[in-house]
Amino acid sequence: MAEYVVKVGKKGELYTPKKMRVQIGMQHGNEFIAAVEGEKIILEKRKTVIDLLEEDAIATVSENEIKEERKILEKELLER
């Protein structure tokens, strides 16, 4: 795991080294999820829809399976 020195500006901005930004693909406008553990801050890049679409599929669903599931859901909604 690489470690970097990150500076804090007057208004709490974090200034990250270019090498770190390049390594994780950080670009202007990216969003991050921040988790605090004691005195540690863990930043995880928030995935965009495009990121998710580019990932390998974890399951495949046929058109017929989708249609069947839709019928079940429609029936459940009409019964409410």
N, C-alpha and C. Protein backbone atom coordinates (compact mmCIF):
# COMPACT_ATOMS: atom_id res chain seq x y z
N MET A 1 0.85 -1.17 0.00
CA MET A 1 0.00 0.00 0.00
C MET A 1 0.90 1.24 0.00
N ALA A 2 0.63 2.15 -0.94
CA ALA A 2 1.40 3.39 -1.01
C ALA A 2 0.87 4.38 0.01
N GLU A 3 1.76 5.19 0.55
CA GLU A 3 1.36 6.22 1.50
C GLU A 3 1.81 7.57 0.96
N TYR A 4 0.99 8.60 1.18
CA TYR A 4 1.28 9.93 0.68
C TYR A 4 1.04 10.95 1.78
N VAL A 5 1.74 12.08 1.68
CA VAL A 5 1.50 13.20 2.59
C VAL A 5 0.46 14.09 1.91
N VAL A 6 -0.64 14.33 2.60
CA VAL A 6 -1.73 15.17 2.10
C VAL A 6 -1.81 16.39 2.99
N LYS A 7 -1.78 17.58 2.41
CA LYS A 7 -1.83 18.82 3.19
C LYS A 7 -3.26 19.32 3.31
N VAL A 8 -3.51 20.05 4.40
CA VAL A 8 -4.83 20.62 4.66
C VAL A 8 -4.75 22.13 4.50
N GLY A 9 -5.68 22.69 3.70
CA GLY A 9 -5.72 24.14 3.49
C GLY A 9 -6.48 24.84 4.61
N LYS A 10 -6.56 26.17 4.52
CA LYS A 10 -7.19 26.99 5.54
C LYS A 10 -8.66 26.65 5.76
N LYS A 11 -9.35 26.25 4.71
CA LYS A 11 -10.78 25.94 4.82
C LYS A 11 -11.04 24.43 4.91
N GLY A 12 -10.01 23.66 5.19
CA GLY A 12 -10.16 22.22 5.34
C GLY A 12 -10.00 21.44 4.06
N GLU A 13 -9.61 22.11 2.97
CA GLU A 13 -9.41 21.40 1.71
C GLU A 13 -8.22 20.46 1.84
N LEU A 14 -8.32 19.32 1.21
CA LEU A 14 -7.20 18.37 1.20
C LEU A 14 -6.45 18.52 -0.12
N TYR A 15 -5.15 18.74 -0.03
CA TYR A 15 -4.32 18.86 -1.22
C TYR A 15 -3.55 17.55 -1.40
N THR A 16 -3.88 16.86 -2.48
CA THR A 16 -3.31 15.54 -2.71
C THR A 16 -2.18 15.62 -3.74
N PRO A 17 -1.14 14.81 -3.57
CA PRO A 17 -0.04 14.78 -4.54
C PRO A 17 -0.52 14.23 -5.89
N LYS A 18 0.06 14.77 -6.96
CA LYS A 18 -0.33 14.35 -8.30
C LYS A 18 -0.15 12.84 -8.50
N LYS A 19 0.94 12.29 -7.97
CA LYS A 19 1.21 10.86 -8.13
C LYS A 19 0.05 10.03 -7.56
N MET A 20 -0.49 10.47 -6.44
CA MET A 20 -1.62 9.77 -5.83
C MET A 20 -2.87 9.88 -6.70
N ARG A 21 -3.13 11.09 -7.21
CA ARG A 21 -4.31 11.31 -8.05
C ARG A 21 -4.25 10.43 -9.30
N VAL A 22 -3.08 10.36 -9.90
CA VAL A 22 -2.90 9.53 -11.10
C VAL A 22 -3.10 8.06 -10.76
N GLN A 23 -2.54 7.63 -9.63
CA GLN A 23 -2.61 6.22 -9.24
C GLN A 23 -4.06 5.74 -9.09
N ILE A 24 -4.93 6.57 -8.53
CA ILE A 24 -6.31 6.13 -8.31
C ILE A 24 -7.28 6.68 -9.35
N GLY A 25 -6.76 7.41 -10.33
CA GLY A 25 -7.64 7.94 -11.38
C GLY A 25 -8.54 9.07 -10.89
N MET A 26 -8.06 9.85 -9.92
CA MET A 26 -8.85 10.94 -9.36
C MET A 26 -8.91 12.09 -10.36
N GLN A 27 -10.13 12.57 -10.61
CA GLN A 27 -10.31 13.68 -11.53
C GLN A 27 -11.25 14.71 -10.90
N HIS A 28 -11.21 15.92 -11.44
CA HIS A 28 -12.07 17.00 -10.96
C HIS A 28 -13.53 16.54 -10.98
N GLY A 29 -14.22 16.74 -9.88
CA GLY A 29 -15.63 16.38 -9.81
C GLY A 29 -15.91 14.99 -9.25
N ASN A 30 -14.88 14.15 -9.10
CA ASN A 30 -15.09 12.83 -8.50
C ASN A 30 -15.64 12.99 -7.09
N GLU A 31 -16.45 12.04 -6.67
CA GLU A 31 -16.95 12.03 -5.31
C GLU A 31 -16.34 10.86 -4.57
N PHE A 32 -16.15 11.04 -3.26
CA PHE A 32 -15.55 10.02 -2.42
C PHE A 32 -16.43 9.78 -1.21
N ILE A 33 -16.43 8.55 -0.73
CA ILE A 33 -17.08 8.20 0.52
C ILE A 33 -15.99 8.24 1.59
N ALA A 34 -16.23 8.97 2.68
CA ALA A 34 -15.23 9.10 3.75
C ALA A 34 -15.73 8.34 4.97
N ALA A 35 -14.87 7.49 5.51
CA ALA A 35 -15.17 6.76 6.75
C ALA A 35 -14.12 7.14 7.78
N VAL A 36 -14.56 7.36 9.01
CA VAL A 36 -13.64 7.73 10.08
C VAL A 36 -13.52 6.57 11.04
N GLU A 37 -12.28 6.15 11.29
CA GLU A 37 -11.96 5.09 12.24
C GLU A 37 -10.92 5.63 13.20
N GLY A 38 -11.36 6.09 14.36
CA GLY A 38 -10.42 6.70 15.31
C GLY A 38 -9.85 7.96 14.70
N GLU A 39 -8.53 7.98 14.52
CA GLU A 39 -7.86 9.12 13.90
C GLU A 39 -7.59 8.90 12.42
N LYS A 40 -8.12 7.82 11.86
CA LYS A 40 -7.91 7.52 10.44
C LYS A 40 -9.11 7.98 9.63
N ILE A 41 -8.83 8.46 8.43
CA ILE A 41 -9.87 8.77 7.45
C ILE A 41 -9.62 7.86 6.25
N ILE A 42 -10.62 7.11 5.88
CA ILE A 42 -10.51 6.22 4.74
C ILE A 42 -11.39 6.78 3.63
N LEU A 43 -10.78 7.09 2.50
CA LEU A 43 -11.52 7.63 1.35
C LEU A 43 -11.66 6.55 0.29
N GLU A 44 -12.87 6.38 -0.18
CA GLU A 44 -13.13 5.41 -1.24
C GLU A 44 -13.86 6.13 -2.36
N LYS A 45 -13.32 6.00 -3.59
CA LYS A 45 -13.93 6.69 -4.72
C LYS A 45 -15.34 6.13 -4.95
N ARG A 46 -16.30 7.05 -5.03
CA ARG A 46 -17.69 6.65 -5.26
C ARG A 46 -17.86 6.27 -6.72
N LYS A 47 -18.45 5.13 -6.96
CA LYS A 47 -18.60 4.65 -8.32
C LYS A 47 -19.75 5.38 -9.01
N THR A 48 -19.52 5.70 -10.27
CA THR A 48 -20.56 6.31 -11.09
C THR A 48 -21.30 5.21 -11.83
N VAL A 49 -22.38 5.56 -12.49
CA VAL A 49 -23.13 4.58 -13.29
C VAL A 49 -22.22 4.00 -14.36
N ILE A 50 -21.40 4.84 -14.96
CA ILE A 50 -20.48 4.38 -16.00
C ILE A 50 -19.48 3.38 -15.43
N ASP A 51 -18.96 3.66 -14.22
CA ASP A 51 -18.05 2.71 -13.58
C ASP A 51 -18.72 1.36 -13.40
N LEU A 52 -19.96 1.37 -12.94
CA LEU A 52 -20.69 0.13 -12.70
C LEU A 52 -20.95 -0.63 -13.99
N LEU A 53 -21.27 0.09 -15.06
CA LEU A 53 -21.54 -0.55 -16.35
C LEU A 53 -20.28 -1.17 -16.95
N GLU A 54 -19.12 -0.63 -16.60
CA GLU A 54 -17.86 -1.15 -17.14
C GLU A 54 -17.36 -2.37 -16.38
N GLU A 55 -17.92 -2.63 -15.20
CA GLU A 55 -17.50 -3.80 -14.41
C GLU A 55 -18.05 -5.08 -15.03
N ASP A 56 -17.38 -6.19 -14.73
CA ASP A 56 -17.87 -7.48 -15.19
C ASP A 56 -19.21 -7.78 -14.54
N ALA A 57 -20.09 -8.38 -15.30
CA ALA A 57 -21.41 -8.74 -14.78
C ALA A 57 -21.27 -9.83 -13.72
N ILE A 58 -22.07 -9.73 -12.67
CA ILE A 58 -22.03 -10.75 -11.62
C ILE A 58 -23.15 -11.77 -11.83
N ALA A 59 -24.06 -11.47 -12.76
CA ALA A 59 -25.15 -12.39 -13.06
C ALA A 59 -25.70 -12.06 -14.45
N THR A 60 -26.34 -13.03 -15.04
CA THR A 60 -27.02 -12.77 -16.31
C THR A 60 -28.48 -13.13 -16.15
N VAL A 61 -29.32 -12.36 -16.81
CA VAL A 61 -30.76 -12.57 -16.72
C VAL A 61 -31.30 -12.54 -18.14
N SER A 62 -32.13 -13.53 -18.47
CA SER A 62 -32.70 -13.58 -19.81
C SER A 62 -33.92 -12.65 -19.89
N GLU A 63 -34.29 -12.34 -21.11
CA GLU A 63 -35.47 -11.50 -21.33
C GLU A 63 -36.72 -12.17 -20.77
N ASN A 64 -36.82 -13.48 -20.93
CA ASN A 64 -37.99 -14.21 -20.41
C ASN A 64 -38.05 -14.16 -18.89
N GLU A 65 -36.89 -14.24 -18.23
CA GLU A 65 -36.87 -14.15 -16.76
C GLU A 65 -37.35 -12.77 -16.29
N ILE A 66 -36.95 -11.73 -17.00
CA ILE A 66 -37.39 -10.38 -16.65
C ILE A 66 -38.90 -10.25 -16.83
N LYS A 67 -39.41 -10.77 -17.94
CA LYS A 67 -40.86 -10.70 -18.20
C LYS A 67 -41.64 -11.45 -17.13
N GLU A 68 -41.16 -12.60 -16.74
CA GLU A 68 -41.84 -13.41 -15.72
C GLU A 68 -41.84 -12.69 -14.38
N GLU A 69 -40.71 -12.13 -14.02
CA GLU A 69 -40.60 -11.39 -12.76
C GLU A 69 -41.52 -10.17 -12.77
N ARG A 70 -41.62 -9.53 -13.91
CA ARG A 70 -42.50 -8.35 -14.03
C ARG A 70 -43.96 -8.74 -13.80
N LYS A 71 -44.36 -9.88 -14.36
CA LYS A 71 -45.73 -10.34 -14.14
C LYS A 71 -46.01 -10.57 -12.66
N ILE A 72 -45.06 -11.17 -11.98
CA ILE A 72 -45.22 -11.43 -10.54
C ILE A 72 -45.34 -10.12 -9.77
N LEU A 73 -44.47 -9.16 -10.08
CA LEU A 73 -44.50 -7.87 -9.39
C LEU A 73 -45.79 -7.11 -9.67
N GLU A 74 -46.25 -7.13 -10.93
CA GLU A 74 -47.51 -6.46 -11.28
C GLU A 74 -48.67 -7.06 -10.50
N LYS A 75 -48.68 -8.38 -10.40
CA LYS A 75 -49.75 -9.07 -9.66
C LYS A 75 -49.72 -8.65 -8.18
N GLU A 76 -48.54 -8.62 -7.59
CA GLU A 76 -48.40 -8.21 -6.18
C GLU A 76 -48.88 -6.79 -5.97
N LEU A 77 -48.56 -5.89 -6.90
CA LEU A 77 -48.98 -4.50 -6.77
C LEU A 77 -50.50 -4.36 -6.89
N LEU A 78 -51.10 -5.09 -7.80
CA LEU A 78 -52.55 -5.01 -7.99
C LEU A 78 -53.32 -5.58 -6.80
N GLU A 79 -52.71 -6.51 -6.08
CA GLU A 79 -53.36 -7.12 -4.93
C GLU A 79 -53.31 -6.22 -3.69
N ARG A 80 -52.53 -5.17 -3.70
CA ARG A 80 -52.41 -4.28 -2.54
C ARG A 80 -53.58 -3.37 -2.42
